[in-house]
Amino acid sequence: MNIESLTTFFMWCFVINGGLLIFWVIMLLAAGDFIYRMHSQWFPMPRETFNVIMYAFLGLFKIFFLFFNLVPYLALLALG
């Protein structure tokens, strides 16, 4: 495996996971009530708890996205 192929791999990881992150945010903003109703049928919880859980998972995903996709991509760009 060479640096160019690793750079391409991490670029596509960055693009795909960034798209998922943006999609998740848009879905929560546009259809948050629907998502809450769907999930509360499976796991009964108050709306405030649902909001905290979604906010925490969104923050965790963003941290993992930056740490495991963006940082290696930038490091490989600096090396190449």
N, C-alpha and C. Protein backbone atom coordinates (compact mmCIF):
# COMPACT_ATOMS: atom_id res chain seq x y z
N MET A 1 0.83 -1.17 0.00
CA MET A 1 0.00 0.00 0.00
C MET A 1 0.89 1.25 0.00
N ASN A 2 0.64 2.15 -0.91
CA ASN A 2 1.44 3.37 -0.97
C ASN A 2 0.65 4.55 -0.41
N ILE A 3 1.33 5.68 -0.30
CA ILE A 3 0.72 6.87 0.33
C ILE A 3 -0.44 7.40 -0.51
N GLU A 4 -0.32 7.32 -1.83
CA GLU A 4 -1.40 7.83 -2.69
C GLU A 4 -2.70 7.04 -2.49
N SER A 5 -2.60 5.71 -2.41
CA SER A 5 -3.81 4.92 -2.23
C SER A 5 -4.40 5.12 -0.83
N LEU A 6 -3.55 5.27 0.18
CA LEU A 6 -4.05 5.55 1.53
C LEU A 6 -4.72 6.93 1.59
N THR A 7 -4.14 7.89 0.91
CA THR A 7 -4.73 9.23 0.87
C THR A 7 -6.10 9.18 0.20
N THR A 8 -6.20 8.44 -0.89
CA THR A 8 -7.48 8.30 -1.57
C THR A 8 -8.50 7.60 -0.68
N PHE A 9 -8.06 6.55 0.01
CA PHE A 9 -8.94 5.82 0.92
C PHE A 9 -9.50 6.74 2.01
N PHE A 10 -8.63 7.49 2.66
CA PHE A 10 -9.08 8.37 3.73
C PHE A 10 -9.89 9.55 3.20
N MET A 11 -9.63 9.97 1.97
CA MET A 11 -10.45 11.02 1.38
C MET A 11 -11.88 10.52 1.22
N TRP A 12 -12.05 9.30 0.70
CA TRP A 12 -13.39 8.76 0.52
C TRP A 12 -14.06 8.44 1.86
N CYS A 13 -13.29 8.01 2.84
CA CYS A 13 -13.84 7.83 4.20
C CYS A 13 -14.35 9.16 4.73
N PHE A 14 -13.58 10.21 4.52
CA PHE A 14 -13.97 11.55 4.95
C PHE A 14 -15.25 12.00 4.25
N VAL A 15 -15.34 11.80 2.96
CA VAL A 15 -16.50 12.23 2.19
C VAL A 15 -17.75 11.45 2.61
N ILE A 16 -17.64 10.13 2.70
CA ILE A 16 -18.80 9.30 3.04
C ILE A 16 -19.26 9.56 4.47
N ASN A 17 -18.35 9.57 5.42
CA ASN A 17 -18.75 9.81 6.81
C ASN A 17 -19.20 11.24 7.03
N GLY A 18 -18.63 12.19 6.32
CA GLY A 18 -19.11 13.57 6.39
C GLY A 18 -20.52 13.68 5.85
N GLY A 19 -20.80 12.97 4.78
CA GLY A 19 -22.15 12.93 4.24
C GLY A 19 -23.14 12.32 5.21
N LEU A 20 -22.73 11.25 5.89
CA LEU A 20 -23.60 10.64 6.90
C LEU A 20 -23.87 11.60 8.06
N LEU A 21 -22.85 12.31 8.47
CA LEU A 21 -23.01 13.28 9.55
C LEU A 21 -23.98 14.40 9.15
N ILE A 22 -23.82 14.92 7.96
CA ILE A 22 -24.71 15.97 7.48
C ILE A 22 -26.14 15.44 7.32
N PHE A 23 -26.27 14.23 6.78
CA PHE A 23 -27.59 13.61 6.62
C PHE A 23 -28.27 13.43 7.97
N TRP A 24 -27.51 12.98 8.98
CA TRP A 24 -28.06 12.78 10.31
C TRP A 24 -28.59 14.10 10.89
N VAL A 25 -27.80 15.15 10.75
CA VAL A 25 -28.22 16.46 11.27
C VAL A 25 -29.47 16.96 10.55
N ILE A 26 -29.48 16.83 9.23
CA ILE A 26 -30.64 17.28 8.46
C ILE A 26 -31.88 16.48 8.84
N MET A 27 -31.74 15.18 9.01
CA MET A 27 -32.89 14.35 9.39
C MET A 27 -33.41 14.74 10.77
N LEU A 28 -32.51 15.01 11.70
CA LEU A 28 -32.96 15.42 13.03
C LEU A 28 -33.65 16.78 13.00
N LEU A 29 -33.17 17.68 12.16
CA LEU A 29 -33.79 19.00 12.05
C LEU A 29 -35.13 18.94 11.31
N ALA A 30 -35.19 18.16 10.25
CA ALA A 30 -36.38 18.13 9.41
C ALA A 30 -37.46 17.18 9.92
N ALA A 31 -37.05 16.05 10.47
CA ALA A 31 -38.03 15.03 10.86
C ALA A 31 -37.78 14.53 12.28
N GLY A 32 -37.40 15.43 13.16
CA GLY A 32 -37.10 15.04 14.54
C GLY A 32 -38.28 14.43 15.27
N ASP A 33 -39.47 14.98 15.05
CA ASP A 33 -40.65 14.44 15.71
C ASP A 33 -40.97 13.03 15.22
N PHE A 34 -40.85 12.81 13.92
CA PHE A 34 -41.10 11.48 13.37
C PHE A 34 -40.10 10.46 13.92
N ILE A 35 -38.84 10.85 13.96
CA ILE A 35 -37.80 9.94 14.48
C ILE A 35 -38.06 9.64 15.95
N TYR A 36 -38.44 10.66 16.71
CA TYR A 36 -38.76 10.44 18.13
C TYR A 36 -39.94 9.49 18.29
N ARG A 37 -41.00 9.70 17.53
CA ARG A 37 -42.18 8.82 17.64
C ARG A 37 -41.82 7.38 17.28
N MET A 38 -41.02 7.21 16.24
CA MET A 38 -40.63 5.87 15.81
C MET A 38 -39.81 5.17 16.90
N HIS A 39 -38.84 5.87 17.46
CA HIS A 39 -37.98 5.26 18.48
C HIS A 39 -38.70 5.09 19.81
N SER A 40 -39.61 5.98 20.14
CA SER A 40 -40.30 5.86 21.42
C SER A 40 -41.29 4.69 21.42
N GLN A 41 -41.66 4.19 20.25
CA GLN A 41 -42.47 2.98 20.21
C GLN A 41 -41.66 1.77 20.66
N TRP A 42 -40.39 1.74 20.32
CA TRP A 42 -39.52 0.63 20.69
C TRP A 42 -38.96 0.79 22.10
N PHE A 43 -38.56 2.01 22.42
CA PHE A 43 -37.93 2.31 23.70
C PHE A 43 -38.64 3.51 24.32
N PRO A 44 -39.62 3.28 25.19
CA PRO A 44 -40.35 4.42 25.78
C PRO A 44 -39.41 5.34 26.56
N MET A 45 -39.43 6.62 26.21
CA MET A 45 -38.59 7.61 26.87
C MET A 45 -39.18 8.99 26.66
N PRO A 46 -38.91 9.90 27.57
CA PRO A 46 -39.38 11.28 27.36
C PRO A 46 -38.58 11.96 26.24
N ARG A 47 -39.15 13.01 25.68
CA ARG A 47 -38.52 13.72 24.57
C ARG A 47 -37.17 14.32 24.98
N GLU A 48 -37.07 14.81 26.21
CA GLU A 48 -35.81 15.41 26.67
C GLU A 48 -34.69 14.38 26.67
N THR A 49 -34.99 13.15 27.09
CA THR A 49 -33.99 12.09 27.10
C THR A 49 -33.55 11.76 25.68
N PHE A 50 -34.52 11.69 24.78
CA PHE A 50 -34.21 11.43 23.37
C PHE A 50 -33.29 12.51 22.82
N ASN A 51 -33.58 13.78 23.12
CA ASN A 51 -32.74 14.88 22.63
C ASN A 51 -31.32 14.77 23.17
N VAL A 52 -31.18 14.43 24.45
CA VAL A 52 -29.85 14.29 25.04
C VAL A 52 -29.09 13.13 24.39
N ILE A 53 -29.77 12.02 24.15
CA ILE A 53 -29.12 10.86 23.54
C ILE A 53 -28.68 11.19 22.12
N MET A 54 -29.55 11.82 21.33
CA MET A 54 -29.18 12.18 19.96
C MET A 54 -28.03 13.18 19.93
N TYR A 55 -28.06 14.16 20.84
CA TYR A 55 -26.99 15.15 20.90
C TYR A 55 -25.66 14.49 21.29
N ALA A 56 -25.71 13.56 22.24
CA ALA A 56 -24.49 12.87 22.67
C ALA A 56 -23.93 11.98 21.56
N PHE A 57 -24.80 11.22 20.88
CA PHE A 57 -24.33 10.37 19.79
C PHE A 57 -23.81 11.20 18.62
N LEU A 58 -24.46 12.31 18.34
CA LEU A 58 -24.00 13.18 17.28
C LEU A 58 -22.62 13.76 17.60
N GLY A 59 -22.42 14.17 18.84
CA GLY A 59 -21.11 14.68 19.25
C GLY A 59 -20.04 13.61 19.21
N LEU A 60 -20.38 12.40 19.65
CA LEU A 60 -19.42 11.29 19.62
C LEU A 60 -19.05 10.93 18.19
N PHE A 61 -20.05 10.88 17.32
CA PHE A 61 -19.78 10.58 15.91
C PHE A 61 -18.89 11.65 15.30
N LYS A 62 -19.13 12.91 15.64
CA LYS A 62 -18.32 14.00 15.10
C LYS A 62 -16.87 13.89 15.57
N ILE A 63 -16.68 13.55 16.83
CA ILE A 63 -15.31 13.39 17.34
C ILE A 63 -14.61 12.24 16.64
N PHE A 64 -15.30 11.09 16.51
CA PHE A 64 -14.70 9.96 15.79
C PHE A 64 -14.44 10.29 14.33
N PHE A 65 -15.37 11.02 13.72
CA PHE A 65 -15.21 11.43 12.33
C PHE A 65 -13.95 12.28 12.16
N LEU A 66 -13.77 13.24 13.02
CA LEU A 66 -12.59 14.11 12.93
C LEU A 66 -11.31 13.34 13.24
N PHE A 67 -11.35 12.51 14.27
CA PHE A 67 -10.14 11.83 14.72
C PHE A 67 -9.71 10.71 13.77
N PHE A 68 -10.67 9.94 13.26
CA PHE A 68 -10.32 8.77 12.45
C PHE A 68 -10.40 9.00 10.95
N ASN A 69 -10.96 10.11 10.50
CA ASN A 69 -11.03 10.38 9.07
C ASN A 69 -10.24 11.61 8.67
N LEU A 70 -10.52 12.73 9.31
CA LEU A 70 -9.89 13.98 8.90
C LEU A 70 -8.41 14.04 9.27
N VAL A 71 -8.07 13.67 10.48
CA VAL A 71 -6.67 13.76 10.93
C VAL A 71 -5.75 12.86 10.09
N PRO A 72 -6.09 11.57 9.86
CA PRO A 72 -5.20 10.78 8.99
C PRO A 72 -5.13 11.31 7.56
N TYR A 73 -6.25 11.82 7.05
CA TYR A 73 -6.25 12.37 5.70
C TYR A 73 -5.32 13.57 5.60
N LEU A 74 -5.40 14.48 6.58
CA LEU A 74 -4.52 15.65 6.57
C LEU A 74 -3.06 15.26 6.76
N ALA A 75 -2.82 14.26 7.61
CA ALA A 75 -1.43 13.80 7.81
C ALA A 75 -0.86 13.19 6.53
N LEU A 76 -1.68 12.42 5.83
CA LEU A 76 -1.20 11.84 4.57
C LEU A 76 -1.02 12.90 3.50
N LEU A 77 -1.86 13.92 3.49
CA LEU A 77 -1.66 15.01 2.55
C LEU A 77 -0.35 15.75 2.85
N ALA A 78 -0.03 15.90 4.13
CA ALA A 78 1.22 16.58 4.51
C ALA A 78 2.43 15.74 4.10
N LEU A 79 2.31 14.41 4.22
CA LEU A 79 3.42 13.55 3.82
C LEU A 79 3.60 13.49 2.31
N GLY A 80 2.47 13.50 1.61
CA GLY A 80 2.54 13.35 0.14
C GLY A 80 2.94 14.64 -0.50
